[in-house]
């Protein structure tokens, strides 16, 4: 299945109604490489199934452009949760069919007219997934001729049912996507039974495994961050980076991409530190911490960490006149929020070792303080099962931000995080 999607600007209608929430969740393949995102658009009146009378998704799709969707998911594929209004609206033809999978929820009433529309879209080259599958049903079988992907909710399913459903839908030549994979054991179980893709934050959970090996690259990054925290001079920092050729090339490569905005090429680490200083070096070290030096594709955690860091930074910049907050500290909080997963260490130990402030430690450990509130706001948009419109609205009100403003910041952060990953993937492939 060819994997790659959307950009959207907000219509006048959406501005008038106060905006919407964009939920954005990674989808990984069997090698745990990021290949797609699950997208859904909601307003505060909607439940998780998006079954309110007014279709927020339809309003967004109506004003979507190819360029805008790329800002949301980069070069990845988008699984877009749709309803009848979206499917019946001709605005759907503005979405590039090679970049999306239209996801049909179990709550969608499959009328004769709607089935005819699904068949027409399928024949026009649009791809479909049937979502929330937990058992065999006449409804699911009705969709089989038009469905490319079967999305099975494995959260509460025992292995015997997962195995049976996997076998049944594989016999029909369907791609299997395990949804709500919360722990690594569930990922391994679904992988054993032939699932192709996996959605859920199992890969972002710390594995408390005694003796779990941490990559040498991550350990080297931690060592350099410790040198910076201890106030070591540039000579010692450059020497430490020089001892790892891959790390050195990664840093020089990233600093010479358009993401850093330099007009002159930086040829050496001495030049880099002279021009940038330690703060900008730390910024990219926090991202490189998640790099996978052994594969051609970078870690999905890198994309998430980069996106979180950038979004926290953008939020801090927006509220800075009204609240004493440092954008570079906000970036650190977002970027280090998965460090315990990579290093298999308690967050408190990590931030203490690299000399971060008590504010950073409190935000990461207990979501305390204003930085903790920023991180909480970002996290609430990432996990559909934890979606809480009231809590989101309280935090947005606290920061005096509208949903529309937050959505535009999300797009910028998604674009930045995806670009980091794409540049790093190119660099790692060359190693």
Protein backbone atom coordinates (compact mmCIF):
# COMPACT_ATOMS: atom_id res chain seq x y z
CA UNK A 1 0.00 0.00 0.00
CA UNK A 2 1.51 3.28 -1.07
CA UNK A 3 1.79 5.51 1.95
CA UNK A 4 1.95 9.37 1.98
CA UNK A 5 -1.47 14.05 2.76
CA UNK A 6 -3.47 17.22 3.69
CA UNK A 7 -3.29 21.12 4.53
CA UNK A 8 -6.14 23.09 5.64
CA UNK A 9 -7.04 26.67 6.24
CA UNK A 10 -9.96 27.57 8.43
CA UNK A 11 -13.13 28.73 6.73
CA UNK A 12 -15.07 31.85 7.74
CA UNK A 13 -17.80 29.57 9.06
CA UNK A 14 -15.35 27.79 11.35
CA UNK A 15 -13.97 31.11 12.57
CA UNK A 16 -17.47 32.26 13.43
CA UNK A 17 -18.22 29.11 15.43
CA UNK A 18 -15.02 29.40 17.45
CA UNK A 19 -12.91 26.80 15.70
CA UNK A 20 -12.40 23.08 16.27
CA UNK A 21 -10.09 20.49 17.75
CA UNK A 22 -7.64 18.53 15.58
CA UNK A 23 -6.65 15.12 16.94
CA UNK A 24 -3.52 13.69 15.36
CA UNK A 25 -2.18 10.21 16.19
CA UNK A 26 0.79 8.30 14.65
CA UNK A 27 0.40 4.99 12.80
CA UNK A 28 3.48 2.73 12.61
CA UNK A 29 4.40 -0.33 10.55
CA UNK A 30 5.85 -3.63 11.75
CA UNK A 31 9.35 -2.10 11.91
CA UNK A 32 7.88 0.69 14.07
CA UNK A 33 8.54 3.28 11.38
CA UNK A 34 6.05 6.15 11.14
CA UNK A 35 3.97 5.74 7.98
CA UNK A 36 0.68 7.57 8.60
CA UNK A 37 -1.44 9.64 10.94
CA UNK A 38 -4.99 9.14 12.13
CA UNK A 39 -6.83 12.47 11.89
CA UNK A 40 -10.16 13.57 13.28
CA UNK A 41 -11.71 17.02 13.65
CA UNK A 42 -14.17 17.79 16.45
CA UNK A 43 -15.84 20.64 18.26
CA UNK A 44 -16.76 20.67 21.94
CA UNK A 45 -20.25 19.28 21.29
CA UNK A 46 -18.93 16.11 19.65
CA UNK A 47 -18.32 12.75 21.17
CA UNK A 48 -15.46 10.53 20.14
CA UNK A 49 -17.40 9.15 17.21
CA UNK A 50 -18.07 12.53 15.66
CA UNK A 51 -21.82 11.91 15.41
CA UNK A 52 -23.18 15.40 16.06
CA UNK A 53 -25.58 17.13 13.68
CA UNK A 54 -22.99 19.59 12.42
CA UNK A 55 -20.03 17.94 10.71
CA UNK A 56 -16.85 19.73 11.67
CA UNK A 57 -14.84 17.43 9.41
CA UNK A 58 -17.00 18.38 6.43
CA UNK A 59 -16.35 22.08 7.07
CA UNK A 60 -12.61 21.45 7.25
CA UNK A 61 -12.54 19.29 4.12
CA UNK A 62 -14.46 21.97 2.23
CA UNK A 63 -11.59 24.38 2.80
CA UNK A 64 -8.72 21.90 2.45
CA UNK A 65 -5.83 22.21 0.06
CA UNK A 66 -3.05 19.79 -0.80
CA UNK A 67 -0.41 22.20 0.51
CA UNK A 68 -2.25 22.64 3.79
CA UNK A 69 -2.68 18.93 4.42
CA UNK A 70 1.06 18.47 4.00
CA UNK A 71 1.48 20.88 6.89
CA UNK A 72 -0.59 18.53 9.04
CA UNK A 73 0.97 15.16 8.14
CA UNK A 74 4.02 15.92 6.02
CA UNK A 75 4.71 13.20 3.48
CA UNK A 76 2.81 10.55 5.48
CA UNK A 77 -0.56 9.09 4.66
CA UNK A 78 -3.66 10.38 6.47
CA UNK A 79 -6.43 8.16 7.81
CA UNK A 80 -9.30 10.65 7.92
CA UNK A 81 -12.33 9.76 10.02
CA UNK A 82 -15.38 10.70 7.91
CA UNK A 83 -19.16 10.88 8.23
CA UNK A 84 -22.03 10.90 5.76
CA UNK A 85 -21.79 14.65 5.18
CA UNK A 86 -18.14 14.37 4.17
CA UNK A 87 -18.74 11.43 1.87
CA UNK A 88 -21.73 12.97 0.12
CA UNK A 89 -20.08 16.38 -0.37
CA UNK A 90 -18.20 16.90 -3.65
CA UNK A 91 -15.54 18.83 -1.71
CA UNK A 92 -14.04 15.42 -1.02
CA UNK A 93 -12.66 15.45 -4.57
CA UNK A 94 -10.29 18.26 -3.56
CA UNK A 95 -8.37 15.75 -1.41
CA UNK A 96 -5.61 13.88 -3.22
CA UNK A 97 -6.78 10.26 -3.26
CA UNK A 98 -3.21 8.91 -3.21
CA UNK A 99 -2.65 10.66 0.13
CA UNK A 100 -5.71 9.67 2.18
CA UNK A 101 -7.62 6.69 3.49
CA UNK A 102 -11.26 7.48 4.29
CA UNK A 103 -12.07 5.86 7.61
CA UNK A 104 -15.66 4.66 8.12
CA UNK A 105 -16.68 4.51 11.80
CA UNK A 106 -19.12 1.96 13.20
CA UNK A 107 -21.60 4.76 14.01
CA UNK A 108 -22.10 5.59 10.33
CA UNK A 109 -25.54 4.54 9.08
CA UNK A 110 -24.96 2.64 5.82
CA UNK A 111 -27.99 3.68 3.79
CA UNK A 112 -28.45 2.51 0.20
CA UNK A 113 -27.59 6.00 -1.05
CA UNK A 114 -24.42 6.12 1.06
CA UNK A 115 -23.29 2.66 -0.11
CA UNK A 116 -23.73 3.79 -3.71
CA UNK A 117 -21.58 6.83 -2.96
CA UNK A 118 -18.87 4.69 -1.32
CA UNK A 119 -18.84 2.41 -4.37
CA UNK A 120 -18.50 5.40 -6.69
CA UNK A 121 -15.62 6.86 -4.67
CA UNK A 122 -13.92 3.47 -4.55
CA UNK A 123 -14.14 3.15 -8.33
CA UNK A 124 -12.70 6.68 -8.61
CA UNK A 125 -9.60 5.49 -6.74
CA UNK A 126 -10.33 6.50 -3.15
CA UNK A 127 -9.26 4.07 -0.45
CA UNK A 128 -11.34 3.11 2.57
CA UNK A 129 -10.81 1.64 6.02
CA UNK A 130 -13.54 0.25 8.23
CA UNK A 131 -12.85 1.27 11.84
CA UNK A 132 -13.76 0.09 15.36
CA UNK A 133 -14.04 -3.57 14.35
CA UNK A 134 -14.28 -5.94 17.35
CA UNK A 135 -16.27 -8.83 15.84
CA UNK A 136 -17.63 -10.23 12.60
CA UNK A 137 -20.75 -8.46 11.39
CA UNK A 138 -23.03 -8.20 8.39
CA UNK A 139 -22.26 -4.49 8.29
CA UNK A 140 -18.50 -5.08 7.99
CA UNK A 141 -18.99 -7.74 5.32
CA UNK A 142 -21.16 -5.29 3.40
CA UNK A 143 -18.18 -2.94 3.17
CA UNK A 144 -15.59 -5.58 2.27
CA UNK A 145 -15.69 -5.05 -1.54
CA UNK A 146 -14.71 -1.39 -1.06
CA UNK A 147 -12.36 -1.55 1.92
CA UNK A 148 -8.57 -1.68 1.72
CA UNK A 149 -7.86 -1.60 5.45
CA UNK A 150 -9.62 -3.19 8.42
CA UNK A 151 -8.97 -1.28 11.64
CA UNK A 152 -9.48 -3.60 14.61
CA UNK A 153 -9.92 -2.17 18.12
CA UNK A 154 -7.63 -4.53 20.05
CA UNK A 155 -7.66 -2.73 23.41
CA UNK A 156 -9.92 -5.19 25.24
CA UNK A 157 -9.78 -8.11 22.80
CA UNK A 158 -8.26 -11.40 24.02
CA UNK A 159 -5.65 -13.10 21.84
CA UNK A 160 -8.04 -15.74 20.55
CA UNK A 161 -10.31 -13.06 19.06
CA UNK A 162 -7.40 -11.05 17.67
CA UNK A 163 -6.06 -14.17 15.99
CA UNK A 164 -9.45 -15.14 14.55
CA UNK A 165 -10.25 -11.66 13.21
CA UNK A 166 -6.76 -11.35 11.76
CA UNK A 167 -7.04 -14.68 9.98
CA UNK A 168 -10.52 -13.90 8.64
CA UNK A 169 -9.67 -10.50 7.16
CA UNK A 170 -6.30 -11.64 5.84
CA UNK A 171 -8.15 -14.33 3.93
CA UNK A 172 -10.02 -11.48 2.24
CA UNK A 173 -6.67 -9.85 1.29
CA UNK A 174 -7.18 -6.86 3.58
CA UNK A 175 -4.51 -4.80 5.31
CA UNK A 176 -4.82 -5.13 9.10
CA UNK A 177 -4.44 -2.11 11.38
CA UNK A 178 -4.42 -2.68 15.13
CA UNK A 179 -6.00 0.30 16.88
CA UNK A 180 -5.63 1.37 20.55
CA UNK A 181 -2.37 -0.50 21.05
CA UNK A 182 -1.49 0.78 24.50
CA UNK A 183 1.37 -1.53 25.53
CA UNK A 184 4.31 -3.19 23.80
CA UNK A 185 3.01 -6.69 24.64
CA UNK A 186 -0.14 -5.98 22.62
CA UNK A 187 1.97 -4.79 19.69
CA UNK A 188 4.00 -8.01 19.76
CA UNK A 189 0.84 -10.10 19.97
CA UNK A 190 -0.78 -8.35 16.98
CA UNK A 191 2.46 -8.52 15.04
CA UNK A 192 2.57 -12.27 15.67
CA UNK A 193 -0.89 -12.60 14.14
CA UNK A 194 0.01 -10.79 10.95
CA UNK A 195 -1.11 -7.19 11.51
CA UNK A 196 0.55 -4.67 9.21
CA UNK A 197 0.01 -1.32 10.97
CA UNK A 198 -0.39 -0.18 14.57
CA UNK A 199 -2.05 2.90 16.10
CA UNK A 200 -1.63 3.86 19.74
CA UNK A 201 1.05 5.06 22.11
CA UNK A 202 2.59 1.69 23.02
CA UNK A 203 5.92 2.85 21.52
CA UNK A 204 5.91 5.98 23.72
CA UNK A 205 5.63 4.07 27.01
CA UNK A 206 8.74 3.36 29.12
CA UNK A 207 9.70 -0.32 29.24
CA UNK A 208 10.90 -1.15 32.73
CA UNK A 209 13.28 -3.89 31.65
CA UNK A 210 16.35 -4.56 33.72
CA UNK A 211 19.42 -4.35 31.55
CA UNK A 212 17.59 -2.88 28.56
CA UNK A 213 20.27 -1.64 26.19
CA UNK A 214 20.41 2.07 25.40
CA UNK A 215 21.94 3.09 22.07
CA UNK A 216 25.48 4.44 22.12
CA UNK A 217 24.26 7.49 20.22
CA UNK A 218 21.75 8.37 22.96
CA UNK A 219 24.40 7.88 25.64
CA UNK A 220 26.80 10.15 23.75
CA UNK A 221 24.12 12.85 23.47
CA UNK A 222 23.46 12.64 27.21
CA UNK A 223 27.18 12.96 27.91
CA UNK A 224 27.45 16.11 25.78
CA UNK A 225 24.36 17.63 27.41
CA UNK A 226 26.05 16.98 30.76
CA UNK A 227 29.21 18.76 29.57
CA UNK A 228 27.13 21.78 28.57
CA UNK A 229 25.32 21.75 31.93
CA UNK A 230 28.67 21.62 33.75
CA UNK A 231 29.92 24.68 31.86
CA UNK A 232 32.70 22.89 29.95
CA UNK A 233 34.39 24.93 27.23
CA UNK A 234 33.79 24.60 23.51
CA UNK A 235 37.00 22.61 23.01
CA UNK A 236 35.79 19.80 25.30
CA UNK A 237 32.31 19.80 23.75
CA UNK A 238 33.66 19.66 20.19
CA UNK A 239 36.06 16.87 21.14
CA UNK A 240 33.19 14.83 22.61
CA UNK A 241 31.11 15.24 19.44
CA UNK A 242 34.10 14.44 17.20
CA UNK A 243 34.40 11.04 18.89
CA UNK A 244 31.09 10.00 17.28
CA UNK A 245 31.24 10.49 13.52
CA UNK A 246 27.52 9.78 13.03
CA UNK A 247 26.50 12.35 15.64
CA UNK A 248 28.84 14.95 14.15
CA UNK A 249 27.41 14.44 10.67
CA UNK A 250 23.84 14.55 11.98
CA UNK A 251 24.37 17.89 13.71
CA UNK A 252 26.15 19.51 10.77
CA UNK A 253 23.50 18.17 8.40
CA UNK A 254 20.62 19.56 10.48
CA UNK A 255 22.22 22.95 10.99
CA UNK A 256 22.66 23.28 7.22
CA UNK A 257 19.01 22.55 6.39
CA UNK A 258 16.44 25.31 5.77
CA UNK A 259 14.98 24.57 9.22
CA UNK A 260 17.77 26.55 10.90
CA UNK A 261 17.61 29.43 8.42
CA UNK A 262 21.32 30.13 7.93
CA UNK A 263 22.44 31.74 4.67
CA UNK A 264 26.06 30.60 5.02
CA UNK A 265 27.03 26.95 5.21
CA UNK A 266 28.49 25.79 8.54
CA UNK A 267 31.49 23.58 7.82
CA UNK A 268 32.75 22.69 11.29
CA UNK A 269 31.61 22.22 14.86
CA UNK A 270 33.85 25.06 16.01
CA UNK A 271 32.10 27.34 13.53
CA UNK A 272 28.72 25.99 14.66
CA UNK A 273 29.33 26.75 18.34
CA UNK A 274 30.87 30.13 17.55
CA UNK A 275 27.80 31.17 15.56
CA UNK A 276 25.09 29.55 17.66
CA UNK A 277 26.28 29.04 21.19
CA UNK A 278 25.18 26.25 23.51
CA UNK A 279 21.44 26.93 23.56
CA UNK A 280 20.87 26.11 19.89
CA UNK A 281 23.16 23.09 20.12
CA UNK A 282 21.14 21.76 23.06
CA UNK A 283 17.95 22.27 21.04
CA UNK A 284 19.04 19.84 18.34
CA UNK A 285 20.73 17.46 20.77
CA UNK A 286 17.34 17.05 22.45
CA UNK A 287 15.98 15.86 19.07
CA UNK A 288 18.97 13.76 18.00
CA UNK A 289 18.59 11.90 21.31
CA UNK A 290 15.77 9.96 19.59
CA UNK A 291 17.63 9.14 16.36
CA UNK A 292 18.05 5.54 15.28
CA UNK A 293 21.53 5.16 13.87
CA UNK A 294 20.92 1.54 12.84
CA UNK A 295 18.09 2.06 10.36
CA UNK A 296 17.28 4.12 7.30
CA UNK A 297 14.18 5.55 8.95
CA UNK A 298 14.24 7.75 12.01
CA UNK A 299 12.34 6.99 15.17
CA UNK A 300 8.66 7.88 15.43
CA UNK A 301 9.56 9.22 18.85
CA UNK A 302 11.84 11.75 17.17
CA UNK A 303 8.95 13.12 15.15
CA UNK A 304 6.73 13.35 18.22
CA UNK A 305 9.43 14.87 20.39
CA UNK A 306 10.30 17.48 17.75
CA UNK A 307 6.62 18.30 17.24
CA UNK A 308 5.92 18.57 20.96
CA UNK A 309 8.97 20.74 21.51
CA UNK A 310 8.09 23.12 18.70
CA UNK A 311 4.41 23.33 19.71
CA UNK A 312 5.28 24.08 23.35
CA UNK A 313 7.71 26.74 22.09
CA UNK A 314 5.11 28.36 19.81
CA UNK A 315 2.59 28.40 22.65
CA UNK A 316 5.14 30.03 24.95
CA UNK A 317 5.90 32.69 22.33
CA UNK A 318 2.18 33.43 21.96
CA UNK A 319 1.48 33.82 25.68
CA UNK A 320 4.81 35.39 26.65
CA UNK A 321 3.48 38.98 26.82
CA UNK A 322 0.79 37.83 29.29
CA UNK A 323 2.81 35.25 31.21
CA UNK A 324 6.44 35.04 32.29
CA UNK A 325 7.61 32.03 30.34
CA UNK A 326 10.72 31.21 28.33
CA UNK A 327 10.12 29.66 24.88
CA UNK A 328 13.43 27.77 24.88
CA UNK A 329 12.51 26.15 28.22
CA UNK A 330 9.08 25.23 26.83
CA UNK A 331 10.83 23.58 23.85
CA UNK A 332 13.01 21.59 26.24
CA UNK A 333 9.98 20.35 28.18
CA UNK A 334 8.21 19.15 25.03
CA UNK A 335 11.31 17.65 23.44
CA UNK A 336 12.39 15.74 26.57
CA UNK A 337 8.92 14.40 27.36
CA UNK A 338 9.81 11.01 25.81
CA UNK A 339 13.42 10.85 27.06
CA UNK A 340 12.54 8.25 29.71
CA UNK A 341 11.37 5.91 26.91
CA UNK A 342 14.68 6.16 25.05
CA UNK A 343 17.00 6.01 28.05
CA UNK A 344 14.97 3.67 30.29
CA UNK A 345 15.56 6.06 33.18
CA UNK A 346 13.29 8.03 35.46
CA UNK A 347 12.70 11.54 34.13
CA UNK A 348 13.98 13.08 37.37
CA UNK A 349 17.32 11.29 36.93
CA UNK A 350 17.60 12.48 33.33
CA UNK A 351 16.93 16.16 33.99
CA UNK A 352 19.19 16.10 37.04
CA UNK A 353 22.06 14.59 35.04
CA UNK A 354 21.86 17.14 32.25
CA UNK A 355 21.38 20.05 34.65
CA UNK A 356 17.88 21.20 33.70
CA UNK A 357 15.93 23.50 36.00
CA UNK A 358 13.43 22.52 38.67
CA UNK A 359 10.71 23.99 36.41
CA UNK A 360 11.58 21.46 33.68
CA UNK A 361 11.72 18.63 36.20
CA UNK A 362 8.34 19.57 37.71
CA UNK A 363 6.71 19.87 34.30
CA UNK A 364 7.98 16.48 33.13
CA UNK A 365 7.46 14.64 36.41
CA UNK A 366 4.11 15.99 37.55
CA UNK A 367 2.90 18.33 34.78
CA UNK A 368 3.41 21.10 37.35
CA UNK A 369 3.51 24.84 36.74
CA UNK A 370 2.88 26.75 33.55
CA UNK A 371 5.25 24.52 31.55
CA UNK A 372 3.39 21.47 32.81
CA UNK A 373 0.11 23.04 31.70
CA UNK A 374 1.54 23.62 28.21
CA UNK A 375 2.61 19.99 27.97
CA UNK A 376 -0.78 18.79 29.23
CA UNK A 377 -2.56 20.84 26.56
CA UNK A 378 -0.38 19.35 23.83
CA UNK A 379 -0.92 15.79 25.12
CA UNK A 380 -4.71 16.13 25.22
CA UNK A 381 -4.77 16.62 21.46
CA UNK A 382 -2.64 13.53 20.79
CA UNK A 383 -4.75 10.73 22.24
CA UNK A 384 -8.39 10.46 21.08
CA UNK A 385 -9.33 8.21 23.98
CA UNK A 386 -8.27 10.95 26.43
CA UNK A 387 -10.01 13.76 24.54
CA UNK A 388 -11.55 16.17 27.06
CA UNK A 389 -13.03 19.32 25.49
CA UNK A 390 -13.76 20.94 28.85
CA UNK A 391 -10.19 20.52 30.07
CA UNK A 392 -8.79 21.76 26.75
CA UNK A 393 -11.04 24.82 26.84
CA UNK A 394 -9.99 25.61 30.41
CA UNK A 395 -6.32 25.53 29.43
CA UNK A 396 -6.91 27.61 26.29
CA UNK A 397 -8.83 30.15 28.40
CA UNK A 398 -5.99 30.17 30.94
CA UNK A 399 -3.54 31.07 28.16
CA UNK A 400 -6.04 33.41 26.44
CA UNK A 401 -5.81 31.47 23.18
CA UNK A 402 -8.54 30.53 20.73
CA UNK A 403 -8.91 27.10 19.15
CA UNK A 404 -8.18 28.70 15.79
CA UNK A 405 -4.88 30.11 17.08
CA UNK A 406 -3.96 26.75 18.57
CA UNK A 407 -4.79 24.97 15.31
CA UNK A 408 -2.45 27.23 13.34
CA UNK A 409 0.31 26.52 15.86
CA UNK A 410 -0.37 22.79 15.52
CA UNK A 411 0.11 23.03 11.76
CA UNK A 412 3.42 24.84 12.17
CA UNK A 413 4.63 22.30 14.73
CA UNK A 414 3.53 19.30 12.64
CA UNK A 415 5.32 20.72 9.62
CA UNK A 416 8.52 21.36 11.61
CA UNK A 417 8.49 17.92 13.23
CA UNK A 418 7.87 16.15 9.91
CA UNK A 419 10.65 18.14 8.23
CA UNK A 420 13.11 17.23 10.99
CA UNK A 421 12.26 13.56 10.50
CA UNK A 422 12.54 13.72 6.73
CA UNK A 423 15.94 15.42 6.83
CA UNK A 424 17.16 12.95 9.44
CA UNK A 425 15.88 9.97 7.44
CA UNK A 426 17.90 11.15 4.45
CA UNK A 427 20.98 11.57 6.63
CA UNK A 428 20.60 8.17 8.30
CA UNK A 429 20.06 6.45 4.97
CA UNK A 430 23.44 7.74 3.85
CA UNK A 431 25.29 6.31 6.85
